[in-house]
Amino acid sequence: MDLSSYFINPEPALAGKSALVTGASSGIGLASACRLAEAGVNLKLTGRRLERLIELKSALLERFPKLLIDILATDLAQPASWDQLAQAGFYEVDILINNAGLAHGRDKVETARFEDWQPMIDVNITAAFEITRRIVPGMLSRGQGDIVCLGSAAGIYPYEGGSVYCASKAALRSFCQILRRETAGQNLRVMLMAPGMVETEFSTRRLNSPEAGKAVYAGMTPLTENDVARQLVFALSQPRHVNWDELLLMATDQGWTDKVVRKNA
């Protein structure tokens, strides 16, 4: 039995490639930046908090001094930010990590406020779509590229009290599916990462309360941002002919978006 073909195809290196990571100042975006840096990927990082980006860049360069790291503080909900990214050369990359996103409130439709809906639409849908639209032509002209969008289990299995957030992530999922079909055969990989419960600043910001945010994960073991980032980098490291169209990633204690088994809680 000849087994040689099973051992001569190591995962391709990511070193020397470049990536744009949106929402890089915290959570999954920050973890993804760290994991990509560890793999030798040059980074273009954007987020709303300049001080956090400066701190992240400094810490990464201390550990990986040969990397090229650019930062740009901007609010992707504002259309002017998309031109800022272009002017800074942030669209000229091999990899896009379309991570920036947010959620506001857990109200039912009848009591929800449009002021909570609008930011989710602006960032989760409009900005994600527009940044992708602007970055794809360059990837196609260069003959290679990777688009990774951070969706959510909520975009596949919606839940009460999450109407617009769930809808925004469902829209992102559909957008990725169409882009995948439109570019198939052109060496552009389009991947959707759809995690369930991940303990980051997400719930605290959504509920506008550190206590309420912490209570979301009480009695169970949620995913961490590093769990998601590790899968993301693994997906990018696969041979070019392998495309992870969609990954639904759940904590073991979470059986569904609205089914969580809690211990001693």
C-alpha atoms as a PDB file:
ATOM      1  CA  MET A   1       0.000   0.000   0.000  1.00  0.00           C
ATOM      2  CA  ASP A   2       1.467   3.338  -1.096  1.00  0.00           C
ATOM      3  CA  LEU A   3       0.531   6.073   1.420  1.00  0.00           C
ATOM      4  CA  SER A   4       2.925   8.738   0.131  1.00  0.00           C
ATOM      5  CA  SER A   5       0.169  10.892  -1.372  1.00  0.00           C
ATOM      6  CA  TYR A   6      -1.343  11.374   2.091  1.00  0.00           C
ATOM      7  CA  PHE A   7       1.775  12.980   3.540  1.00  0.00           C
ATOM      8  CA  ILE A   8       3.223  15.267   0.849  1.00  0.00           C
ATOM      9  CA  ASN A   9       0.644  18.045   0.855  1.00  0.00           C
ATOM     10  CA  PRO A  10       1.293  20.307   3.856  1.00  0.00           C
ATOM     11  CA  GLU A  11      -1.043  23.222   4.374  1.00  0.00           C
ATOM     12  CA  PRO A  12       0.108  26.204   2.286  1.00  0.00           C
ATOM     13  CA  ALA A  13       1.800  29.025   4.153  1.00  0.00           C
ATOM     14  CA  LEU A  14       0.036  32.345   4.644  1.00  0.00           C
ATOM     15  CA  ALA A  15       3.297  34.182   5.372  1.00  0.00           C
ATOM     16  CA  GLY A  16       3.815  37.244   3.199  1.00  0.00           C
ATOM     17  CA  LYS A  17       0.153  37.689   2.332  1.00  0.00           C
ATOM     18  CA  SER A  18      -1.800  40.771   3.365  1.00  0.00           C
ATOM     19  CA  ALA A  19      -5.165  41.041   5.084  1.00  0.00           C
ATOM     20  CA  LEU A  20      -7.683  43.750   5.897  1.00  0.00           C
ATOM     21  CA  VAL A  21      -9.415  43.087   9.219  1.00  0.00           C
ATOM     22  CA  THR A  22     -12.407  45.281  10.052  1.00  0.00           C
ATOM     23  CA  GLY A  23     -13.489  45.710  13.651  1.00  0.00           C
ATOM     24  CA  ALA A  24      -9.967  44.812  14.743  1.00  0.00           C
ATOM     25  CA  SER A  25      -9.893  46.719  18.026  1.00  0.00           C
ATOM     26  CA  SER A  26     -11.624  43.995  20.058  1.00  0.00           C
ATOM     27  CA  GLY A  27     -13.235  40.559  20.096  1.00  0.00           C
ATOM     28  CA  ILE A  28     -13.027  38.246  17.111  1.00  0.00           C
ATOM     29  CA  GLY A  29     -11.402  40.940  14.976  1.00  0.00           C
ATOM     30  CA  LEU A  30      -8.565  41.412  17.459  1.00  0.00           C
ATOM     31  CA  ALA A  31      -8.086  37.654  17.859  1.00  0.00           C
ATOM     32  CA  SER A  32      -8.075  37.201  14.087  1.00  0.00           C
ATOM     33  CA  ALA A  33      -5.430  39.903  13.711  1.00  0.00           C
ATOM     34  CA  CYS A  34      -3.258  38.128  16.270  1.00  0.00           C
ATOM     35  CA  ARG A  35      -3.668  34.715  14.652  1.00  0.00           C
ATOM     36  CA  LEU A  36      -2.936  36.102  11.180  1.00  0.00           C
ATOM     37  CA  ALA A  37       0.135  37.922  12.477  1.00  0.00           C
ATOM     38  CA  GLU A  38       1.332  34.674  14.007  1.00  0.00           C
ATOM     39  CA  ALA A  39       0.996  33.113  10.546  1.00  0.00           C
ATOM     40  CA  GLY A  40       3.157  35.875   9.033  1.00  0.00           C
ATOM     41  CA  VAL A  41       0.369  37.868   7.379  1.00  0.00           C
ATOM     42  CA  ASN A  42       0.850  41.625   6.928  1.00  0.00           C
ATOM     43  CA  LEU A  43      -2.100  43.538   8.325  1.00  0.00           C
ATOM     44  CA  LYS A  44      -4.321  46.509   7.618  1.00  0.00           C
ATOM     45  CA  LEU A  45      -6.482  47.034  10.683  1.00  0.00           C
ATOM     46  CA  THR A  46      -9.513  49.246  11.079  1.00  0.00           C
ATOM     47  CA  GLY A  47     -11.804  50.006  13.993  1.00  0.00           C
ATOM     48  CA  ARG A  48     -13.477  52.924  15.736  1.00  0.00           C
ATOM     49  CA  ARG A  49     -11.059  53.230  18.666  1.00  0.00           C
ATOM     50  CA  LEU A  50      -7.725  54.674  17.629  1.00  0.00           C
ATOM     51  CA  GLU A  51      -6.072  54.104  20.994  1.00  0.00           C
ATOM     52  CA  ARG A  52      -6.902  50.404  20.882  1.00  0.00           C
ATOM     53  CA  LEU A  53      -5.532  50.111  17.338  1.00  0.00           C
ATOM     54  CA  ILE A  54      -2.301  51.866  18.309  1.00  0.00           C
ATOM     55  CA  GLU A  55      -1.920  49.557  21.290  1.00  0.00           C
ATOM     56  CA  LEU A  56      -2.602  46.482  19.164  1.00  0.00           C
ATOM     57  CA  LYS A  57      -0.141  47.517  16.454  1.00  0.00           C
ATOM     58  CA  SER A  58       2.580  48.161  19.031  1.00  0.00           C
ATOM     59  CA  ALA A  59       2.027  44.817  20.758  1.00  0.00           C
ATOM     60  CA  LEU A  60       2.032  42.889  17.477  1.00  0.00           C
ATOM     61  CA  LEU A  61       5.182  44.567  16.175  1.00  0.00           C
ATOM     62  CA  GLU A  62       6.945  43.853  19.446  1.00  0.00           C
ATOM     63  CA  ARG A  63       6.243  40.162  18.915  1.00  0.00           C
ATOM     64  CA  PHE A  64       6.484  40.103  15.102  1.00  0.00           C
ATOM     65  CA  PRO A  65       8.841  42.972  14.152  1.00  0.00           C
ATOM     66  CA  LYS A  66       9.122  42.019  10.474  1.00  0.00           C
ATOM     67  CA  LEU A  67       5.418  42.441   9.763  1.00  0.00           C
ATOM     68  CA  LEU A  68       3.918  45.417   7.941  1.00  0.00           C
ATOM     69  CA  ILE A  69       0.970  46.757   9.936  1.00  0.00           C
ATOM     70  CA  ASP A  70      -1.179  49.757   9.019  1.00  0.00           C
ATOM     71  CA  ILE A  71      -4.061  51.061  11.109  1.00  0.00           C
ATOM     72  CA  LEU A  72      -6.970  53.371  10.362  1.00  0.00           C
ATOM     73  CA  ALA A  73      -9.545  54.507  12.909  1.00  0.00           C
ATOM     74  CA  THR A  74     -12.884  55.025  11.227  1.00  0.00           C
ATOM     75  CA  ASP A  75     -16.603  54.410  11.683  1.00  0.00           C
ATOM     76  CA  LEU A  76     -17.742  52.057   8.933  1.00  0.00           C
ATOM     77  CA  ALA A  77     -21.345  53.170   9.436  1.00  0.00           C
ATOM     78  CA  GLN A  78     -20.339  56.433   7.731  1.00  0.00           C
ATOM     79  CA  PRO A  79     -20.048  56.252   3.907  1.00  0.00           C
ATOM     80  CA  ALA A  80     -17.034  58.592   4.001  1.00  0.00           C
ATOM     81  CA  SER A  81     -15.088  55.820   5.732  1.00  0.00           C
ATOM     82  CA  TRP A  82     -15.216  53.641   2.640  1.00  0.00           C
ATOM     83  CA  ASP A  83     -13.312  56.276   0.660  1.00  0.00           C
ATOM     84  CA  GLN A  84     -10.851  56.659   3.541  1.00  0.00           C
ATOM     85  CA  LEU A  85     -10.055  52.967   3.266  1.00  0.00           C
ATOM     86  CA  ALA A  86      -9.502  53.337  -0.471  1.00  0.00           C
ATOM     87  CA  GLN A  87      -7.225  56.363  -0.062  1.00  0.00           C
ATOM     88  CA  ALA A  88      -5.159  54.474   2.520  1.00  0.00           C
ATOM     89  CA  GLY A  89      -4.729  51.507   0.163  1.00  0.00           C
ATOM     90  CA  PHE A  90      -6.639  49.183   2.470  1.00  0.00           C
ATOM     91  CA  TYR A  91      -8.470  47.440  -0.378  1.00  0.00           C
ATOM     92  CA  GLU A  92      -5.246  46.154  -1.971  1.00  0.00           C
ATOM     93  CA  VAL A  93      -4.997  42.941   0.023  1.00  0.00           C
ATOM     94  CA  ASP A  94      -5.046  39.183  -0.473  1.00  0.00           C
ATOM     95  CA  ILE A  95      -7.522  38.525   2.349  1.00  0.00           C
ATOM     96  CA  LEU A  96     -10.562  40.373   3.663  1.00  0.00           C
ATOM     97  CA  ILE A  97     -11.810  39.568   7.154  1.00  0.00           C
ATOM     98  CA  ASN A  98     -15.216  41.241   7.090  1.00  0.00           C
ATOM     99  CA  ASN A  99     -15.681  41.206  10.854  1.00  0.00           C
ATOM    100  CA  ALA A 100     -17.113  44.576  11.935  1.00  0.00           C
ATOM    101  CA  GLY A 101     -20.650  44.179  13.250  1.00  0.00           C
ATOM    102  CA  LEU A 102     -22.899  44.954  16.169  1.00  0.00           C
ATOM    103  CA  ALA A 103     -26.240  44.338  17.829  1.00  0.00           C
ATOM    104  CA  HIS A 104     -28.497  46.656  19.815  1.00  0.00           C
ATOM    105  CA  GLY A 105     -31.305  45.569  22.130  1.00  0.00           C
ATOM    106  CA  ARG A 106     -33.436  42.458  22.522  1.00  0.00           C
ATOM    107  CA  ASP A 107     -36.864  44.046  22.028  1.00  0.00           C
ATOM    108  CA  LYS A 108     -39.660  42.462  20.045  1.00  0.00           C
ATOM    109  CA  VAL A 109     -40.568  44.121  16.753  1.00  0.00           C
ATOM    110  CA  GLU A 110     -43.581  45.913  18.251  1.00  0.00           C
ATOM    111  CA  THR A 111     -41.525  47.656  20.923  1.00  0.00           C
ATOM    112  CA  ALA A 112     -38.180  48.004  19.127  1.00  0.00           C
ATOM    113  CA  ARG A 113     -36.705  51.387  18.282  1.00  0.00           C
ATOM    114  CA  PHE A 114     -35.520  52.353  14.826  1.00  0.00           C
ATOM    115  CA  GLU A 115     -32.538  54.038  16.502  1.00  0.00           C
ATOM    116  CA  ASP A 116     -31.395  50.526  17.486  1.00  0.00           C
ATOM    117  CA  TRP A 117     -32.085  49.068  14.061  1.00  0.00           C
ATOM    118  CA  GLN A 118     -30.275  51.655  11.955  1.00  0.00           C
ATOM    119  CA  PRO A 119     -26.706  51.025  13.218  1.00  0.00           C
ATOM    120  CA  MET A 120     -27.103  47.275  12.679  1.00  0.00           C
ATOM    121  CA  ILE A 121     -28.269  47.866   9.112  1.00  0.00           C
ATOM    122  CA  ASP A 122     -25.497  50.399   8.459  1.00  0.00           C
ATOM    123  CA  VAL A 123     -22.617  48.225   9.708  1.00  0.00           C
ATOM    124  CA  ASN A 124     -23.776  44.609   9.414  1.00  0.00           C
ATOM    125  CA  ILE A 125     -25.243  45.007   5.937  1.00  0.00           C
ATOM    126  CA  THR A 126     -24.366  48.222   4.107  1.00  0.00           C
ATOM    127  CA  ALA A 127     -20.719  48.558   5.156  1.00  0.00           C
ATOM    128  CA  ALA A 128     -19.987  44.840   4.833  1.00  0.00           C
ATOM    129  CA  PHE A 129     -21.507  44.714   1.357  1.00  0.00           C
ATOM    130  CA  GLU A 130     -19.801  47.891   0.138  1.00  0.00           C
ATOM    131  CA  ILE A 131     -16.331  47.008   1.419  1.00  0.00           C
ATOM    132  CA  THR A 132     -16.624  43.613  -0.243  1.00  0.00           C
ATOM    133  CA  ARG A 133     -17.841  45.184  -3.500  1.00  0.00           C
ATOM    134  CA  ARG A 134     -14.840  47.486  -3.554  1.00  0.00           C
ATOM    135  CA  ILE A 135     -12.275  44.809  -2.762  1.00  0.00           C
ATOM    136  CA  VAL A 136     -13.396  41.991  -5.079  1.00  0.00           C
ATOM    137  CA  PRO A 137     -12.386  43.530  -8.455  1.00  0.00           C
ATOM    138  CA  GLY A 138      -8.755  43.834  -7.396  1.00  0.00           C
ATOM    139  CA  MET A 139      -8.672  40.249  -6.180  1.00  0.00           C
ATOM    140  CA  LEU A 140     -10.156  39.017  -9.444  1.00  0.00           C
ATOM    141  CA  SER A 141      -7.680  41.046 -11.509  1.00  0.00           C
ATOM    142  CA  ARG A 142      -4.784  39.580  -9.509  1.00  0.00           C
ATOM    143  CA  GLY A 143      -6.199  36.082  -9.962  1.00  0.00           C
ATOM    144  CA  GLN A 144      -6.540  35.209  -6.295  1.00  0.00           C
ATOM    145  CA  GLY A 145      -8.230  36.301  -3.075  1.00  0.00           C
ATOM    146  CA  ASP A 146     -10.055  35.243   0.064  1.00  0.00           C
ATOM    147  CA  ILE A 147     -13.193  36.839   1.496  1.00  0.00           C
ATOM    148  CA  VAL A 148     -14.119  35.750   5.026  1.00  0.00           C
ATOM    149  CA  CYS A 149     -17.328  37.185   6.477  1.00  0.00           C
ATOM    150  CA  LEU A 150     -18.218  36.891  10.144  1.00  0.00           C
ATOM    151  CA  GLY A 151     -21.854  35.954  10.219  1.00  0.00           C
ATOM    152  CA  SER A 152     -23.734  34.394  13.104  1.00  0.00           C
ATOM    153  CA  ALA A 153     -25.735  31.328  14.021  1.00  0.00           C
ATOM    154  CA  ALA A 154     -28.543  33.889  14.384  1.00  0.00           C
ATOM    155  CA  GLY A 155     -28.468  34.376  10.627  1.00  0.00           C
ATOM    156  CA  ILE A 156     -29.293  30.691  10.160  1.00  0.00           C
ATOM    157  CA  TYR A 157     -31.560  30.083  13.170  1.00  0.00           C
ATOM    158  CA  PRO A 158     -33.256  33.386  14.099  1.00  0.00           C
ATOM    159  CA  TYR A 159     -34.692  33.952  17.555  1.00  0.00           C
ATOM    160  CA  GLU A 160     -37.328  36.158  19.172  1.00  0.00           C
ATOM    161  CA  GLY A 161     -36.031  39.540  20.216  1.00  0.00           C
ATOM    162  CA  GLY A 162     -33.353  39.521  17.541  1.00  0.00           C
ATOM    163  CA  SER A 163     -35.346  40.537  14.475  1.00  0.00           C
ATOM    164  CA  VAL A 164     -33.041  43.006  12.717  1.00  0.00           C
ATOM    165  CA  TYR A 165     -29.790  41.536  14.015  1.00  0.00           C
ATOM    166  CA  CYS A 166     -30.820  38.062  12.814  1.00  0.00           C
ATOM    167  CA  ALA A 167     -32.059  39.527   9.523  1.00  0.00           C
ATOM    168  CA  SER A 168     -28.786  41.404   8.991  1.00  0.00           C
ATOM    169  CA  LYS A 169     -26.747  38.240   9.455  1.00  0.00           C
ATOM    170  CA  ALA A 170     -29.119  36.300   7.197  1.00  0.00           C
ATOM    171  CA  ALA A 171     -28.590  38.994   4.561  1.00  0.00           C
ATOM    172  CA  LEU A 172     -24.816  38.624   4.905  1.00  0.00           C
ATOM    173  CA  ARG A 173     -25.164  34.874   4.495  1.00  0.00           C
ATOM    174  CA  SER A 174     -27.179  35.280   1.291  1.00  0.00           C
ATOM    175  CA  PHE A 175     -24.709  37.870   0.006  1.00  0.00           C
ATOM    176  CA  CYS A 176     -21.817  35.430   0.532  1.00  0.00           C
ATOM    177  CA  GLN A 177     -23.701  32.616  -1.186  1.00  0.00           C
ATOM    178  CA  ILE A 178     -24.355  34.772  -4.260  1.00  0.00           C
ATOM    179  CA  LEU A 179     -20.790  36.117  -4.400  1.00  0.00           C
ATOM    180  CA  ARG A 180     -19.521  32.553  -4.168  1.00  0.00           C
ATOM    181  CA  ARG A 181     -21.643  31.518  -7.147  1.00  0.00           C
ATOM    182  CA  GLU A 182     -20.799  34.591  -9.209  1.00  0.00           C
ATOM    183  CA  THR A 183     -17.039  34.141  -8.788  1.00  0.00           C
ATOM    184  CA  ALA A 184     -16.753  30.361  -8.807  1.00  0.00           C
ATOM    185  CA  GLY A 185     -13.832  29.202 -10.947  1.00  0.00           C
ATOM    186  CA  GLN A 186     -11.911  32.473 -10.575  1.00  0.00           C
ATOM    187  CA  ASN A 187      -9.735  31.429  -7.601  1.00  0.00           C
ATOM    188  CA  LEU A 188     -11.680  33.660  -5.216  1.00  0.00           C
ATOM    189  CA  ARG A 189     -12.687  31.852  -2.041  1.00  0.00           C
ATOM    190  CA  VAL A 190     -15.748  33.159  -0.196  1.00  0.00           C
ATOM    191  CA  MET A 191     -16.305  31.845   3.326  1.00  0.00           C
ATOM    192  CA  LEU A 192     -18.890  32.526   6.009  1.00  0.00           C
ATOM    193  CA  MET A 193     -18.032  31.894   9.659  1.00  0.00           C
ATOM    194  CA  ALA A 194     -21.235  31.660  11.700  1.00  0.00           C
ATOM    195  CA  PRO A 195     -20.465  31.333  15.426  1.00  0.00           C
ATOM    196  CA  GLY A 196     -23.005  30.949  18.199  1.00  0.00           C
ATOM    197  CA  MET A 197     -22.340  32.317  21.680  1.00  0.00           C
ATOM    198  CA  VAL A 198     -18.903  33.948  21.908  1.00  0.00           C
ATOM    199  CA  GLU A 199     -17.959  35.754  25.104  1.00  0.00           C
ATOM    200  CA  THR A 200     -16.654  39.148  23.989  1.00  0.00           C
ATOM    201  CA  GLU A 201     -17.817  42.741  24.472  1.00  0.00           C
ATOM    202  CA  PHE A 202     -20.721  41.902  22.163  1.00  0.00           C
ATOM    203  CA  SER A 203     -23.418  41.242  24.783  1.00  0.00           C
ATOM    204  CA  THR A 204     -22.274  44.050  27.064  1.00  0.00           C
ATOM    205  CA  ARG A 205     -22.552  46.547  24.218  1.00  0.00           C
ATOM    206  CA  ARG A 206     -25.816  45.048  22.998  1.00  0.00           C
ATOM    207  CA  LEU A 207     -27.511  45.272  26.378  1.00  0.00           C
ATOM    208  CA  ASN A 208     -25.635  48.392  27.482  1.00  0.00           C
ATOM    209  CA  SER A 209     -24.795  46.752  30.801  1.00  0.00           C
ATOM    210  CA  PRO A 210     -21.691  44.814  31.969  1.00  0.00           C
ATOM    211  CA  GLU A 211     -23.828  42.852  34.437  1.00  0.00           C
ATOM    212  CA  ALA A 212     -26.453  41.901  31.848  1.00  0.00           C
ATOM    213  CA  GLY A 213     -23.736  41.047  29.353  1.00  0.00           C
ATOM    214  CA  LYS A 214     -22.008  38.717  31.798  1.00  0.00           C
ATOM    215  CA  ALA A 215     -25.306  37.036  32.689  1.00  0.00           C
ATOM    216  CA  VAL A 216     -25.729  35.913  29.057  1.00  0.00           C
ATOM    217  CA  TYR A 217     -22.941  33.361  29.601  1.00  0.00           C
ATOM    218  CA  ALA A 218     -23.766  32.351  33.175  1.00  0.00           C
ATOM    219  CA  GLY A 219     -23.604  28.629  33.932  1.00  0.00           C
ATOM    220  CA  MET A 220     -22.220  27.592  30.541  1.00  0.00           C
ATOM    221  CA  THR A 221     -18.935  27.594  28.670  1.00  0.00           C
ATOM    222  CA  PRO A 222     -19.171  29.857  25.629  1.00  0.00           C
ATOM    223  CA  LEU A 223     -16.798  30.068  22.716  1.00  0.00           C
ATOM    224  CA  THR A 224     -13.933  32.524  22.952  1.00  0.00           C
ATOM    225  CA  GLU A 225     -12.838  34.925  20.231  1.00  0.00           C
ATOM    226  CA  ASN A 226      -9.696  32.822  19.865  1.00  0.00           C
ATOM    227  CA  ASP A 227     -11.773  29.709  19.168  1.00  0.00           C
ATOM    228  CA  VAL A 228     -13.325  31.468  16.189  1.00  0.00           C
ATOM    229  CA  ALA A 229     -10.066  33.025  14.984  1.00  0.00           C
ATOM    230  CA  ARG A 230      -8.344  29.633  15.074  1.00  0.00           C
ATOM    231  CA  GLN A 231     -10.996  28.150  12.753  1.00  0.00           C
ATOM    232  CA  LEU A 232     -10.760  31.181  10.492  1.00  0.00           C
ATOM    233  CA  VAL A 233      -7.007  30.857  10.007  1.00  0.00           C
ATOM    234  CA  PHE A 234      -7.320  27.083   9.549  1.00  0.00           C
ATOM    235  CA  ALA A 235      -9.869  27.667   6.764  1.00  0.00           C
ATOM    236  CA  LEU A 236      -7.552  30.164   5.059  1.00  0.00           C
ATOM    237  CA  SER A 237      -4.683  27.671   5.324  1.00  0.00           C
ATOM    238  CA  GLN A 238      -6.407  25.013   3.247  1.00  0.00           C
ATOM    239  CA  PRO A 239      -5.249  24.291  -0.319  1.00  0.00           C
ATOM    240  CA  ARG A 240      -6.648  26.745  -2.885  1.00  0.00           C
ATOM    241  CA  HIS A 241      -9.072  24.169  -4.267  1.00  0.00           C
ATOM    242  CA  VAL A 242     -10.744  23.825  -0.819  1.00  0.00           C
ATOM    243  CA  ASN A 243     -13.385  26.435   0.020  1.00  0.00           C
ATOM    244  CA  TRP A 244     -15.151  26.426   3.389  1.00  0.00           C
ATOM    245  CA  ASP A 245     -18.428  27.846   2.115  1.00  0.00           C
ATOM    246  CA  GLU A 246     -19.938  28.010   5.591  1.00  0.00           C
ATOM    247  CA  LEU A 247     -18.952  27.042   9.122  1.00  0.00           C
ATOM    248  CA  LEU A 248     -21.566  26.915  11.891  1.00  0.00           C
ATOM    249  CA  LEU A 249     -19.564  26.943  15.108  1.00  0.00           C
ATOM    250  CA  MET A 250     -21.352  26.398  18.415  1.00  0.00           C
ATOM    251  CA  ALA A 251     -20.343  25.984  22.036  1.00  0.00           C
ATOM    252  CA  THR A 252     -20.927  22.447  23.281  1.00  0.00           C
ATOM    253  CA  ASP A 253     -23.406  23.809  25.842  1.00  0.00           C
ATOM    254  CA  GLN A 254     -25.437  25.538  23.130  1.00  0.00           C
ATOM    255  CA  GLY A 255     -27.793  23.228  21.263  1.00  0.00           C
ATOM    256  CA  TRP A 256     -29.564  25.956  19.268  1.00  0.00           C
ATOM    257  CA  THR A 257     -29.551  29.728  19.150  1.00  0.00           C
ATOM    258  CA  ASP A 258     -32.182  29.785  21.913  1.00  0.00           C
ATOM    259  CA  LYS A 259     -31.299  26.515  23.675  1.00  0.00           C
ATOM    260  CA  VAL A 260     -28.465  26.754  26.191  1.00  0.00           C
ATOM    261  CA  VAL A 261     -27.777  24.193  28.903  1.00  0.00           C
ATOM    262  CA  ARG A 262     -26.638  25.980  32.045  1.00  0.00           C
ATOM    263  CA  LYS A 263     -25.151  24.378  35.120  1.00  0.00           C
ATOM    264  CA  ASN A 264     -25.624  25.855  38.604  1.00  0.00           C
ATOM    265  CA  ALA A 265     -27.395  28.867  37.224  1.00  0.00           C
END
